[in-house]
Structures are given as structure tokens and as C-alpha cells.
N, C-alpha and C. Protein backbone atom coordinates (compact mmCIF):
# COMPACT_ATOMS: atom_id res chain seq x y z
N MET A 1 -27.15 32.95 -38.95
CA MET A 1 -26.15 32.31 -38.17
C MET A 1 -26.56 32.18 -36.65
N MET A 2 -26.43 31.03 -35.94
CA MET A 2 -26.95 30.80 -34.52
C MET A 2 -26.30 31.71 -33.61
N GLU A 3 -26.88 32.17 -32.49
CA GLU A 3 -26.28 32.69 -31.48
C GLU A 3 -25.56 31.80 -30.40
N ALA A 4 -24.26 32.22 -30.16
CA ALA A 4 -23.42 31.45 -29.21
C ALA A 4 -23.52 32.15 -27.82
N ILE A 5 -23.33 33.46 -27.66
CA ILE A 5 -23.40 34.14 -26.43
C ILE A 5 -24.15 35.33 -26.73
N LYS A 6 -25.28 35.75 -25.74
CA LYS A 6 -25.96 36.88 -25.94
C LYS A 6 -25.84 37.70 -24.66
N LEU A 7 -25.23 38.93 -24.60
CA LEU A 7 -25.21 39.78 -23.51
C LEU A 7 -26.33 40.94 -23.71
N VAL A 8 -27.23 40.81 -22.67
CA VAL A 8 -28.61 41.60 -22.64
C VAL A 8 -28.44 42.69 -21.45
N ASN A 9 -28.11 43.79 -21.76
CA ASN A 9 -28.26 45.02 -20.95
C ASN A 9 -27.38 44.89 -19.64
N ILE A 10 -26.10 44.32 -20.02
CA ILE A 10 -25.24 44.06 -18.91
C ILE A 10 -24.57 45.49 -18.35
N SER A 11 -24.60 45.34 -17.20
CA SER A 11 -23.75 46.41 -16.46
C SER A 11 -23.02 45.86 -15.22
N LYS A 12 -21.80 46.32 -15.03
CA LYS A 12 -20.98 45.94 -14.08
C LYS A 12 -19.99 47.13 -13.53
N SER A 13 -19.90 47.14 -12.12
CA SER A 13 -19.19 48.27 -11.75
C SER A 13 -18.22 47.73 -10.45
N TYR A 14 -17.26 48.35 -10.39
CA TYR A 14 -16.26 48.21 -9.09
C TYR A 14 -16.04 49.31 -8.43
N GLU A 15 -16.35 49.43 -7.20
CA GLU A 15 -16.23 50.48 -6.15
C GLU A 15 -16.72 51.78 -6.88
N GLN A 16 -17.78 51.75 -7.41
CA GLN A 16 -18.76 52.69 -7.81
C GLN A 16 -18.28 53.27 -9.30
N LYS A 17 -17.17 52.64 -9.79
CA LYS A 17 -16.78 52.96 -11.25
C LYS A 17 -17.34 52.01 -12.06
N MET A 18 -18.14 52.54 -13.16
CA MET A 18 -18.91 51.65 -14.07
C MET A 18 -17.82 51.18 -15.09
N VAL A 19 -17.74 49.95 -15.20
CA VAL A 19 -16.82 49.31 -16.30
C VAL A 19 -17.54 48.88 -17.41
N VAL A 20 -18.80 48.20 -17.37
CA VAL A 20 -19.60 47.93 -18.41
C VAL A 20 -20.93 48.34 -18.25
N ASN A 21 -21.45 49.11 -19.18
CA ASN A 21 -22.61 50.16 -18.95
C ASN A 21 -23.80 49.69 -20.08
N GLN A 22 -24.68 48.83 -19.57
CA GLN A 22 -25.92 48.70 -20.46
C GLN A 22 -25.41 48.02 -21.64
N LEU A 23 -24.62 47.04 -21.57
CA LEU A 23 -24.07 46.31 -22.78
C LEU A 23 -25.02 45.32 -23.49
N ASP A 24 -25.21 45.62 -24.79
CA ASP A 24 -25.98 44.41 -25.37
C ASP A 24 -25.13 44.15 -26.71
N PHE A 25 -25.00 42.75 -26.74
CA PHE A 25 -24.17 42.42 -27.99
C PHE A 25 -24.34 40.93 -28.07
N THR A 26 -24.41 40.47 -29.34
CA THR A 26 -24.47 39.01 -29.62
C THR A 26 -23.12 38.35 -30.29
N PHE A 27 -22.66 37.37 -29.77
CA PHE A 27 -21.63 36.72 -30.49
C PHE A 27 -22.24 35.50 -31.22
N GLU A 28 -21.97 35.47 -32.46
CA GLU A 28 -22.33 34.46 -33.27
C GLU A 28 -21.77 33.25 -33.26
N GLN A 29 -22.21 32.13 -33.40
CA GLN A 29 -21.61 30.80 -33.37
C GLN A 29 -20.66 30.64 -34.53
N GLY A 30 -19.43 30.12 -34.27
CA GLY A 30 -18.63 29.73 -35.49
C GLY A 30 -17.76 30.85 -35.82
N ASN A 31 -17.83 32.26 -35.27
CA ASN A 31 -17.05 33.29 -35.60
C ASN A 31 -15.75 33.30 -34.75
N TYR A 32 -14.85 34.28 -35.24
CA TYR A 32 -13.69 34.50 -34.42
C TYR A 32 -13.84 35.93 -34.23
N TYR A 33 -13.67 36.44 -32.79
CA TYR A 33 -13.71 37.87 -32.33
C TYR A 33 -12.52 38.31 -31.70
N LEU A 34 -12.20 39.47 -32.14
CA LEU A 34 -10.92 40.18 -31.17
C LEU A 34 -11.68 41.25 -30.59
N LEU A 35 -11.46 41.33 -29.13
CA LEU A 35 -11.96 42.31 -28.30
C LEU A 35 -10.85 43.31 -27.99
N THR A 36 -10.83 44.54 -28.40
CA THR A 36 -9.59 45.45 -28.01
C THR A 36 -10.20 46.75 -27.34
N GLY A 37 -9.41 47.37 -26.81
CA GLY A 37 -9.66 48.62 -25.98
C GLY A 37 -8.46 49.08 -25.11
N GLU A 38 -8.63 50.28 -24.49
CA GLU A 38 -7.58 50.62 -23.83
C GLU A 38 -7.43 49.89 -22.62
N SER A 39 -6.27 49.85 -21.78
CA SER A 39 -5.85 49.18 -20.94
C SER A 39 -6.88 49.61 -19.64
N GLY A 40 -7.58 48.61 -18.86
CA GLY A 40 -8.29 48.95 -17.78
C GLY A 40 -9.81 49.28 -18.23
N CYS A 41 -10.10 48.95 -19.46
CA CYS A 41 -11.43 49.43 -19.95
C CYS A 41 -12.47 48.32 -19.64
N GLY A 42 -12.00 47.32 -19.32
CA GLY A 42 -12.98 46.15 -18.86
C GLY A 42 -12.95 44.87 -19.71
N LYS A 43 -11.97 44.80 -20.60
CA LYS A 43 -12.12 43.73 -21.57
C LYS A 43 -12.37 42.23 -20.87
N THR A 44 -11.39 42.21 -19.80
CA THR A 44 -11.17 40.88 -19.16
C THR A 44 -12.55 40.80 -18.37
N THR A 45 -12.92 41.72 -17.79
CA THR A 45 -14.44 41.76 -17.12
C THR A 45 -15.52 41.25 -17.99
N VAL A 46 -15.44 41.61 -19.36
CA VAL A 46 -16.29 41.00 -20.25
C VAL A 46 -16.10 39.41 -20.30
N LEU A 47 -14.86 38.96 -20.41
CA LEU A 47 -14.57 37.53 -20.55
C LEU A 47 -15.13 36.87 -19.15
N ASN A 48 -14.91 37.50 -18.24
CA ASN A 48 -15.30 36.94 -16.83
C ASN A 48 -16.83 36.83 -16.63
N LEU A 49 -17.50 37.84 -17.27
CA LEU A 49 -18.93 37.77 -17.09
C LEU A 49 -19.61 36.65 -18.05
N ILE A 50 -18.87 36.52 -19.32
CA ILE A 50 -19.30 35.46 -20.09
C ILE A 50 -19.05 34.02 -19.52
N ALA A 51 -17.81 33.93 -18.90
CA ALA A 51 -17.43 32.62 -18.27
C ALA A 51 -18.43 32.28 -17.01
N GLY A 52 -18.91 33.46 -16.45
CA GLY A 52 -19.65 33.08 -15.27
C GLY A 52 -18.93 33.26 -13.93
N TYR A 53 -17.67 33.74 -14.16
CA TYR A 53 -16.75 34.07 -12.98
C TYR A 53 -17.21 35.23 -12.15
N LEU A 54 -18.05 36.20 -13.04
CA LEU A 54 -18.51 37.42 -12.46
C LEU A 54 -19.97 37.32 -12.61
N THR A 55 -20.61 37.96 -11.75
CA THR A 55 -22.01 38.31 -11.94
C THR A 55 -22.43 39.66 -12.25
N PRO A 56 -23.23 39.95 -13.29
CA PRO A 56 -23.42 41.23 -13.64
C PRO A 56 -24.31 42.11 -12.39
N ASP A 57 -24.09 43.30 -12.29
CA ASP A 57 -25.14 43.99 -11.25
C ASP A 57 -26.38 44.10 -12.07
N ASP A 58 -26.56 44.27 -13.34
CA ASP A 58 -27.74 44.33 -14.03
C ASP A 58 -27.60 43.56 -15.31
N GLY A 59 -28.64 42.97 -15.98
CA GLY A 59 -28.77 42.32 -17.18
C GLY A 59 -28.55 40.80 -17.05
N GLU A 60 -28.30 40.25 -18.21
CA GLU A 60 -28.21 38.79 -18.17
C GLU A 60 -27.39 38.18 -19.24
N VAL A 61 -26.46 37.24 -19.12
CA VAL A 61 -25.60 36.53 -20.13
C VAL A 61 -26.46 35.35 -20.48
N ILE A 62 -26.91 35.12 -21.75
CA ILE A 62 -27.42 33.98 -22.32
C ILE A 62 -26.73 33.16 -23.06
N LYS A 63 -26.39 31.89 -22.66
CA LYS A 63 -25.67 31.05 -23.17
C LYS A 63 -26.15 29.56 -22.80
N ASP A 64 -26.07 28.78 -23.96
CA ASP A 64 -26.47 27.26 -23.83
C ASP A 64 -25.25 26.37 -24.41
N LEU A 65 -24.25 26.96 -24.51
CA LEU A 65 -23.00 26.16 -24.98
C LEU A 65 -22.14 26.20 -23.96
N LYS A 66 -21.11 25.22 -24.12
CA LYS A 66 -19.99 24.91 -23.15
C LYS A 66 -18.97 25.89 -23.47
N VAL A 67 -18.30 26.59 -22.46
CA VAL A 67 -17.37 27.68 -22.50
C VAL A 67 -16.11 27.08 -21.87
N ALA A 68 -15.00 27.40 -22.54
CA ALA A 68 -13.60 27.29 -21.83
C ALA A 68 -12.89 28.35 -21.95
N TYR A 69 -11.79 28.76 -20.89
CA TYR A 69 -11.15 29.95 -20.79
C TYR A 69 -9.61 29.75 -20.64
N LEU A 70 -8.98 30.39 -21.62
CA LEU A 70 -7.44 30.31 -21.43
C LEU A 70 -7.11 31.66 -20.85
N PHE A 71 -6.60 31.65 -19.56
CA PHE A 71 -6.38 32.74 -18.87
C PHE A 71 -5.15 33.40 -19.36
N GLN A 72 -4.90 34.72 -19.02
CA GLN A 72 -3.64 35.59 -19.35
C GLN A 72 -2.56 34.87 -18.30
N ASP A 73 -2.84 34.69 -17.15
CA ASP A 73 -1.81 33.91 -16.35
C ASP A 73 -1.97 32.45 -16.45
N GLU A 74 -0.68 31.95 -16.42
CA GLU A 74 -0.62 30.47 -16.73
C GLU A 74 -1.17 29.61 -15.77
N MET A 75 -1.90 28.46 -15.94
CA MET A 75 -2.53 27.70 -15.04
C MET A 75 -1.98 26.35 -14.86
N LEU A 76 -0.80 26.21 -15.28
CA LEU A 76 -0.06 24.95 -15.26
C LEU A 76 0.76 24.79 -13.88
N PHE A 77 0.81 23.34 -13.36
CA PHE A 77 1.66 23.17 -12.32
C PHE A 77 3.05 22.98 -12.83
N SER A 78 3.96 23.69 -12.40
CA SER A 78 5.46 23.75 -13.04
C SER A 78 6.16 22.36 -12.57
N ASN A 79 5.84 21.89 -11.35
CA ASN A 79 6.53 20.89 -10.78
C ASN A 79 5.91 19.53 -11.27
N LEU A 80 5.00 19.40 -12.20
CA LEU A 80 4.42 18.23 -12.61
C LEU A 80 4.79 18.19 -14.26
N THR A 81 4.75 16.82 -14.73
CA THR A 81 5.00 16.92 -16.25
C THR A 81 3.82 17.28 -17.04
N VAL A 82 3.97 17.51 -18.25
CA VAL A 82 2.82 18.08 -19.26
C VAL A 82 1.68 16.73 -18.97
N SER A 83 2.00 15.71 -19.18
CA SER A 83 1.01 14.46 -19.06
C SER A 83 0.40 14.57 -17.67
N GLU A 84 0.79 14.82 -16.61
CA GLU A 84 0.25 14.83 -15.38
C GLU A 84 -0.68 15.99 -15.27
N ASN A 85 -0.20 17.20 -15.71
CA ASN A 85 -1.07 18.44 -15.95
C ASN A 85 -2.50 18.13 -16.53
N MET A 86 -2.23 17.55 -17.94
CA MET A 86 -3.30 17.17 -18.57
C MET A 86 -4.31 16.09 -17.97
N ASN A 87 -3.76 15.35 -17.32
CA ASN A 87 -4.45 14.06 -16.74
C ASN A 87 -5.37 14.71 -15.59
N MET A 88 -4.77 15.59 -14.85
CA MET A 88 -5.43 16.24 -13.76
C MET A 88 -6.39 17.03 -14.18
N TYR A 89 -6.36 17.79 -15.33
CA TYR A 89 -7.21 18.73 -15.88
C TYR A 89 -8.43 18.03 -16.47
N ARG A 90 -8.24 16.97 -17.20
CA ARG A 90 -9.28 16.19 -17.75
C ARG A 90 -9.87 15.17 -16.99
N PHE A 91 -9.01 14.36 -16.22
CA PHE A 91 -9.73 13.23 -15.64
C PHE A 91 -9.65 13.15 -14.15
N GLY A 92 -8.95 14.21 -13.53
CA GLY A 92 -8.95 14.41 -12.13
C GLY A 92 -7.98 13.36 -11.48
N LYS A 93 -7.04 12.66 -12.26
CA LYS A 93 -6.23 11.82 -11.73
C LYS A 93 -4.85 11.94 -12.48
N MET A 94 -3.87 11.25 -11.89
CA MET A 94 -2.44 11.45 -12.43
C MET A 94 -2.25 10.67 -13.79
N GLY A 95 -2.78 9.39 -13.91
CA GLY A 95 -2.75 8.33 -14.97
C GLY A 95 -3.92 7.99 -15.68
N ILE A 96 -3.84 7.81 -16.95
CA ILE A 96 -4.92 7.32 -17.71
C ILE A 96 -4.40 6.09 -18.62
N GLU A 97 -5.50 5.23 -18.89
CA GLU A 97 -5.31 3.93 -19.52
C GLU A 97 -6.31 3.52 -20.73
N GLY A 98 -6.05 2.63 -21.49
CA GLY A 98 -6.87 2.20 -22.40
C GLY A 98 -7.60 3.10 -23.26
N GLU A 99 -9.01 3.17 -23.60
CA GLU A 99 -9.61 4.10 -24.52
C GLU A 99 -9.40 5.43 -24.12
N ASP A 100 -9.26 5.94 -22.72
CA ASP A 100 -9.05 7.35 -22.50
C ASP A 100 -7.75 7.71 -22.91
N LYS A 101 -6.71 6.85 -22.79
CA LYS A 101 -5.44 7.30 -23.41
C LYS A 101 -5.31 7.56 -24.84
N GLU A 102 -6.26 6.74 -25.44
CA GLU A 102 -6.19 6.61 -27.15
C GLU A 102 -6.83 8.01 -27.44
N LEU A 103 -7.94 8.27 -26.83
CA LEU A 103 -8.64 9.61 -27.01
C LEU A 103 -7.59 10.90 -26.81
N PHE A 104 -7.01 10.74 -25.63
CA PHE A 104 -5.98 11.80 -25.09
C PHE A 104 -4.99 12.15 -26.14
N LEU A 105 -4.44 11.08 -26.68
CA LEU A 105 -3.34 11.38 -27.80
C LEU A 105 -3.93 11.62 -29.23
N GLU A 106 -5.19 11.40 -29.33
CA GLU A 106 -5.72 11.62 -30.71
C GLU A 106 -5.98 13.24 -30.71
N ILE A 107 -6.50 13.71 -29.53
CA ILE A 107 -6.83 15.16 -29.23
C ILE A 107 -5.56 16.06 -29.49
N LEU A 108 -4.47 15.56 -28.91
CA LEU A 108 -3.34 16.28 -28.77
C LEU A 108 -2.28 16.23 -30.02
N ALA A 109 -2.76 15.43 -31.03
CA ALA A 109 -1.97 15.16 -32.19
C ALA A 109 -1.79 16.35 -33.01
N PRO A 110 -2.63 17.24 -33.34
CA PRO A 110 -2.49 18.48 -34.22
C PRO A 110 -1.62 19.44 -33.46
N LEU A 111 -1.41 19.36 -32.19
CA LEU A 111 -0.66 20.52 -31.31
C LEU A 111 0.91 20.05 -31.29
N GLY A 112 1.27 18.94 -31.70
CA GLY A 112 2.60 18.41 -31.62
C GLY A 112 3.15 18.54 -29.99
N VAL A 113 2.23 18.06 -29.25
CA VAL A 113 2.55 18.13 -27.81
C VAL A 113 3.20 16.69 -27.36
N ALA A 114 2.83 15.58 -28.11
CA ALA A 114 3.23 14.39 -27.67
C ALA A 114 4.69 14.07 -27.33
N PRO A 115 5.64 14.78 -27.88
CA PRO A 115 7.02 14.52 -27.54
C PRO A 115 7.39 15.44 -26.04
N LEU A 116 6.27 16.06 -25.71
CA LEU A 116 6.43 16.85 -24.36
C LEU A 116 5.94 16.38 -23.15
N LEU A 117 5.23 15.17 -23.44
CA LEU A 117 4.26 14.59 -22.31
C LEU A 117 5.10 14.27 -21.13
N LYS A 118 6.24 13.81 -21.20
CA LYS A 118 7.09 13.33 -20.08
C LYS A 118 7.92 14.51 -19.44
N LYS A 119 7.91 15.62 -20.06
CA LYS A 119 8.77 16.85 -19.75
C LYS A 119 7.93 17.45 -18.56
N LYS A 120 8.88 17.84 -17.48
CA LYS A 120 8.15 18.94 -16.54
C LYS A 120 7.95 20.27 -17.04
N VAL A 121 6.77 20.89 -16.87
CA VAL A 121 6.54 22.19 -17.32
C VAL A 121 7.57 23.17 -17.07
N SER A 122 8.30 23.00 -15.98
CA SER A 122 9.37 24.08 -15.70
C SER A 122 10.31 24.18 -16.82
N THR A 123 10.43 23.14 -17.67
CA THR A 123 11.66 22.95 -18.62
C THR A 123 11.08 23.45 -19.87
N LEU A 124 9.83 23.81 -20.11
CA LEU A 124 9.19 24.30 -21.40
C LEU A 124 9.35 25.71 -21.77
N SER A 125 9.49 25.87 -23.21
CA SER A 125 9.41 27.36 -23.65
C SER A 125 8.00 27.85 -23.38
N GLY A 126 7.89 29.25 -23.66
CA GLY A 126 6.64 29.89 -23.48
C GLY A 126 5.69 29.34 -24.64
N GLY A 127 6.09 29.08 -25.91
CA GLY A 127 5.31 28.68 -26.96
C GLY A 127 5.00 27.17 -26.74
N GLU A 128 5.76 26.46 -26.07
CA GLU A 128 5.22 25.04 -25.62
C GLU A 128 4.25 24.86 -24.65
N ARG A 129 4.40 26.06 -23.58
CA ARG A 129 3.42 26.01 -22.51
C ARG A 129 2.00 26.33 -23.05
N GLN A 130 2.25 27.36 -24.01
CA GLN A 130 0.93 27.56 -24.59
C GLN A 130 0.27 26.63 -25.28
N ARG A 131 0.82 25.84 -26.08
CA ARG A 131 0.49 24.50 -26.72
C ARG A 131 -0.18 23.69 -25.79
N VAL A 132 0.64 23.34 -24.66
CA VAL A 132 -0.12 22.52 -23.69
C VAL A 132 -1.41 23.05 -23.15
N GLU A 133 -1.71 24.23 -22.89
CA GLU A 133 -2.66 24.95 -22.34
C GLU A 133 -3.78 24.73 -23.29
N ILE A 134 -3.53 24.94 -24.61
CA ILE A 134 -4.39 24.77 -25.74
C ILE A 134 -5.04 23.32 -25.76
N GLY A 135 -4.08 22.53 -25.62
CA GLY A 135 -4.38 20.95 -25.40
C GLY A 135 -5.36 20.77 -24.41
N MET A 136 -5.12 21.35 -23.15
CA MET A 136 -6.03 21.19 -22.19
C MET A 136 -7.55 21.69 -22.58
N ILE A 137 -7.49 22.82 -23.14
CA ILE A 137 -8.99 23.14 -23.53
C ILE A 137 -9.43 22.47 -24.51
N LEU A 138 -8.78 21.85 -25.40
CA LEU A 138 -9.36 20.74 -26.52
C LEU A 138 -9.81 19.52 -25.97
N MET A 139 -9.17 19.09 -24.79
CA MET A 139 -9.73 18.07 -24.15
C MET A 139 -11.19 18.15 -23.67
N SER A 140 -11.49 19.35 -23.16
CA SER A 140 -12.83 19.42 -22.65
C SER A 140 -14.00 19.75 -23.78
N ASN A 141 -13.48 19.73 -25.04
CA ASN A 141 -14.49 19.93 -26.28
C ASN A 141 -15.49 20.97 -26.25
N PRO A 142 -15.06 22.21 -25.82
CA PRO A 142 -15.96 23.32 -25.59
C PRO A 142 -16.58 23.91 -26.92
N ASP A 143 -17.62 24.76 -26.88
CA ASP A 143 -18.18 25.20 -28.01
C ASP A 143 -17.69 26.64 -28.21
N VAL A 144 -17.38 27.34 -27.17
CA VAL A 144 -16.88 28.70 -27.00
C VAL A 144 -15.53 28.74 -26.33
N ILE A 145 -14.45 29.38 -26.82
CA ILE A 145 -13.19 29.63 -26.24
C ILE A 145 -13.01 30.96 -26.02
N LEU A 146 -12.75 31.43 -24.67
CA LEU A 146 -12.34 32.64 -24.44
C LEU A 146 -10.69 32.59 -23.99
N LEU A 147 -10.09 33.65 -24.60
CA LEU A 147 -8.73 33.65 -24.55
C LEU A 147 -8.24 35.11 -24.14
N ASP A 148 -7.64 35.25 -23.14
CA ASP A 148 -7.15 36.71 -22.67
C ASP A 148 -5.72 36.85 -22.95
N GLU A 149 -5.38 37.74 -23.92
CA GLU A 149 -4.24 38.13 -24.21
C GLU A 149 -3.17 36.90 -24.49
N PRO A 150 -3.68 35.99 -25.33
CA PRO A 150 -2.84 34.74 -25.48
C PRO A 150 -1.40 34.95 -26.23
N THR A 151 -1.34 36.06 -26.88
CA THR A 151 0.04 36.21 -27.47
C THR A 151 1.09 37.08 -26.62
N SER A 152 0.56 37.61 -25.53
CA SER A 152 1.32 38.67 -24.85
C SER A 152 2.78 38.19 -24.36
N ARG A 153 2.86 36.83 -24.03
CA ARG A 153 3.97 36.25 -23.33
C ARG A 153 5.05 35.70 -24.50
N LEU A 154 4.73 35.87 -25.65
CA LEU A 154 5.45 35.36 -26.82
C LEU A 154 6.17 36.24 -27.66
N ASP A 155 7.43 35.73 -28.39
CA ASP A 155 8.05 36.59 -29.23
C ASP A 155 7.11 36.45 -30.56
N MET A 156 7.68 37.16 -31.58
CA MET A 156 6.83 37.33 -32.75
C MET A 156 6.71 35.98 -33.64
N GLU A 157 7.73 35.27 -33.72
CA GLU A 157 7.68 33.94 -34.26
C GLU A 157 6.56 33.20 -33.71
N ASN A 158 6.64 33.03 -32.20
CA ASN A 158 5.70 32.09 -31.70
C ASN A 158 4.27 32.86 -31.59
N LYS A 159 3.98 34.00 -31.60
CA LYS A 159 2.81 34.52 -31.79
C LYS A 159 2.03 34.18 -33.14
N GLU A 160 2.95 34.09 -34.09
CA GLU A 160 2.28 33.91 -35.61
C GLU A 160 2.02 32.35 -35.45
N LYS A 161 2.87 31.42 -34.90
CA LYS A 161 2.59 30.15 -34.72
C LYS A 161 1.50 29.75 -34.01
N LEU A 162 1.04 30.56 -32.91
CA LEU A 162 0.00 30.42 -32.10
C LEU A 162 -1.38 30.62 -32.59
N ILE A 163 -1.19 31.93 -33.47
CA ILE A 163 -2.52 32.26 -34.19
C ILE A 163 -2.80 31.29 -35.27
N ASN A 164 -1.83 30.71 -36.08
CA ASN A 164 -2.32 29.72 -37.12
C ASN A 164 -2.81 28.45 -36.42
N LEU A 165 -2.17 28.24 -35.09
CA LEU A 165 -2.63 26.94 -34.49
C LEU A 165 -4.02 27.19 -34.05
N ILE A 166 -4.53 28.23 -33.41
CA ILE A 166 -5.71 28.23 -32.84
C ILE A 166 -6.74 28.43 -33.88
N SER A 167 -6.32 29.03 -35.28
CA SER A 167 -7.30 29.06 -36.16
C SER A 167 -7.50 27.79 -36.87
N THR A 168 -6.67 26.89 -36.62
CA THR A 168 -6.59 25.42 -37.17
C THR A 168 -7.51 24.42 -36.09
N VAL A 169 -6.94 24.40 -35.01
CA VAL A 169 -7.49 23.39 -33.96
C VAL A 169 -8.77 23.78 -33.46
N PHE A 170 -9.36 25.09 -33.58
CA PHE A 170 -10.53 25.47 -32.96
C PHE A 170 -11.57 25.87 -34.00
N LYS A 171 -11.27 25.34 -35.37
CA LYS A 171 -12.14 25.51 -36.45
C LYS A 171 -13.52 25.14 -36.10
N ALA A 172 -14.53 25.91 -36.56
CA ALA A 172 -15.73 25.88 -36.33
C ALA A 172 -16.36 26.08 -34.81
N LYS A 173 -15.39 26.49 -33.99
CA LYS A 173 -15.66 27.00 -32.71
C LYS A 173 -15.93 28.39 -32.69
N THR A 174 -16.35 28.96 -31.69
CA THR A 174 -16.65 30.42 -31.38
C THR A 174 -15.28 31.02 -30.66
N LEU A 175 -14.57 31.75 -30.98
CA LEU A 175 -13.43 32.31 -30.36
C LEU A 175 -13.88 33.68 -29.93
N ILE A 176 -13.51 34.13 -28.65
CA ILE A 176 -13.53 35.51 -28.14
C ILE A 176 -12.15 35.86 -27.57
N ILE A 177 -11.36 36.72 -28.31
CA ILE A 177 -10.01 36.94 -27.82
C ILE A 177 -9.91 38.42 -27.26
N VAL A 178 -9.43 38.46 -26.32
CA VAL A 178 -8.95 39.92 -25.65
C VAL A 178 -7.50 39.99 -26.09
N THR A 179 -7.15 41.14 -26.89
CA THR A 179 -5.79 41.24 -27.24
C THR A 179 -5.60 42.93 -27.33
N HIS A 180 -4.25 43.24 -27.31
CA HIS A 180 -3.79 44.43 -27.68
C HIS A 180 -3.05 44.48 -28.89
N GLU A 181 -2.94 43.36 -29.63
CA GLU A 181 -2.21 43.13 -30.73
C GLU A 181 -3.19 42.74 -32.08
N SER A 182 -4.28 43.24 -32.31
CA SER A 182 -5.10 42.81 -33.19
C SER A 182 -4.68 42.71 -34.63
N GLU A 183 -3.59 43.73 -34.83
CA GLU A 183 -2.99 43.97 -36.18
C GLU A 183 -2.40 42.64 -36.61
N ILE A 184 -1.97 41.78 -35.76
CA ILE A 184 -1.25 40.48 -35.99
C ILE A 184 -2.16 39.27 -36.39
N PHE A 185 -3.38 39.42 -36.22
CA PHE A 185 -4.23 38.39 -36.56
C PHE A 185 -4.95 38.56 -37.90
N PRO A 186 -5.34 37.60 -38.58
CA PRO A 186 -5.89 37.63 -40.14
C PRO A 186 -7.09 38.39 -40.03
N SER A 187 -7.46 38.72 -41.43
CA SER A 187 -8.65 39.68 -41.48
C SER A 187 -9.89 38.91 -41.27
N GLU A 188 -10.00 37.49 -41.15
CA GLU A 188 -11.25 36.89 -40.92
C GLU A 188 -11.73 37.11 -39.47
N PHE A 189 -10.90 37.53 -38.58
CA PHE A 189 -11.24 37.80 -37.19
C PHE A 189 -12.03 39.09 -37.23
N ILE A 190 -13.09 39.15 -36.44
CA ILE A 190 -13.95 40.30 -36.34
C ILE A 190 -13.66 41.07 -35.35
N ARG A 191 -13.27 42.30 -35.67
CA ARG A 191 -12.56 43.30 -34.68
C ARG A 191 -13.65 44.00 -34.13
N LEU A 192 -13.64 44.14 -32.62
CA LEU A 192 -14.49 44.83 -31.74
C LEU A 192 -13.76 45.75 -30.69
N LYS A 193 -14.35 46.77 -30.40
CA LYS A 193 -13.68 47.54 -29.46
C LYS A 193 -14.56 47.87 -28.42
N LEU A 194 -14.09 47.76 -27.11
CA LEU A 194 -15.03 48.02 -25.85
C LEU A 194 -14.53 49.64 -25.61
N GLU A 195 -15.41 50.38 -25.54
CA GLU A 195 -15.21 51.81 -25.30
C GLU A 195 -16.45 52.36 -24.53
N ASN A 196 -16.21 53.11 -23.33
CA ASN A 196 -17.33 53.69 -22.67
C ASN A 196 -18.31 52.65 -22.17
N GLY A 197 -17.91 51.49 -21.82
CA GLY A 197 -18.67 50.55 -21.36
C GLY A 197 -19.48 49.69 -22.27
N GLY A 198 -19.36 49.92 -23.56
CA GLY A 198 -20.14 49.35 -24.71
C GLY A 198 -19.17 48.74 -25.72
N ILE A 199 -19.74 47.80 -26.53
CA ILE A 199 -18.91 47.08 -27.65
C ILE A 199 -19.37 47.70 -28.89
N LYS A 200 -18.34 48.01 -29.80
CA LYS A 200 -18.78 48.51 -31.34
C LYS A 200 -17.91 47.72 -32.15
N ARG A 201 -18.43 47.36 -33.33
CA ARG A 201 -17.64 46.83 -34.39
C ARG A 201 -16.90 47.70 -35.07
N GLU A 202 -15.52 47.25 -35.34
CA GLU A 202 -14.72 48.38 -35.93
C GLU A 202 -14.79 48.00 -37.38
N LYS A 203 -14.73 49.06 -38.25
CA LYS A 203 -14.57 49.11 -39.68
C LYS A 203 -13.24 48.49 -40.22
N THR A 204 -13.24 47.63 -41.18
CA THR A 204 -12.08 47.22 -41.92
C THR A 204 -11.81 47.51 -43.18
N SER A 205 -10.46 48.00 -43.47
CA SER A 205 -10.25 48.42 -44.81
C SER A 205 -10.31 47.56 -45.82
């Protein structure tokens, strides 16, 4: 299987506290990964290093693929409609026409977002907002998707819906998901644990 992201001897510290310590790990293309670990152990730091938002103190992140990031904190503009948010994200303008609009609607079809396009984000439920953010990621057509605690703001019903959704719409993509709720994800997700600055693969029963 081809490599999607390779972390080579990565170290990162904050105020003399080592968070990631000589980390070596390869994320293979097309796999779904869950990254778990105690609060404050550096899981989000690993995502930020992969995305390029942080620079390692030592080591190298090797990637030739396009990466998109679904943050834990919502990135939508609540005073704009869903359509306006998506247009600004993908096209840098408020309105789209012609072939761009057809592509836009085709990408969104599996998410069931079309009925929400004219609604303001402030009127949407948590689950609807998550679907909108996933739609924004889909529009950039990434190879690797990073998700930071995507289920944390949802009730159990919407957690299950979201997991089924990302398993469907991100098929053949590489997913790296930071979560405290690995038990609610299906068995095909590869369980990883960040501990003492390094990543180890957890055994599954």
C-alpha cells in the first residue's frame, strides 16, 4: 500500500515540555485511522504538524498529497447562509453560476445539504452544521482528511449518522481522526494511541 503521510523522527515541544518525541510513523493511503490518548498528550499537535500549521523542532513530515482539515472548533460564519459559506470557501465569492454550480450541487448530493443551502448557519442543528463542514471539505477534493474530535458536539444519534457519512463520502480517502470516542467507530478503523510522545498501534480483539 502506498504511503500517504510519513512522519520521520518528529519532535515538538512547548515551553520546554516535550509533546512529540522522535516520532516515526507512516499513514498508508486509503486507510482510516483513529488517534487516541489522554487529554493534553499532543493529538491535535500531530494533526497540526501533518497539516503544516506547526513546524517540528526536529524531523520531517513527508507528504505529496492534498490535505484538508476539519477542526474541532466550527469554522462557519453564522450570519451567512450555507450556500454563502460554501461559495466563499470554494470559490472566494458569494455566488456561483453555470458549470461551477452544477459541480457544487453534485458534490453535495450525498450529504443531503441541498435543502439547507438558503438557510443561515445560525438556524442549523449541530448535525446539520457538521454535514455542511464535511461538504466544504469535499469541495476541495483532498486525498487526506484530518478530523479533530468530529463527534464531540453531537448526541449519540448524530454521532452514528456522522460516522456512517464520513465512511461513505470519504471512501478511498485517507482519514486521520483524533477522538476520545474510539469505541463508537467500526472495526475497520485502525486504532492508534499517542503515548509518551510516540504512536503505537493498538491490538483489536
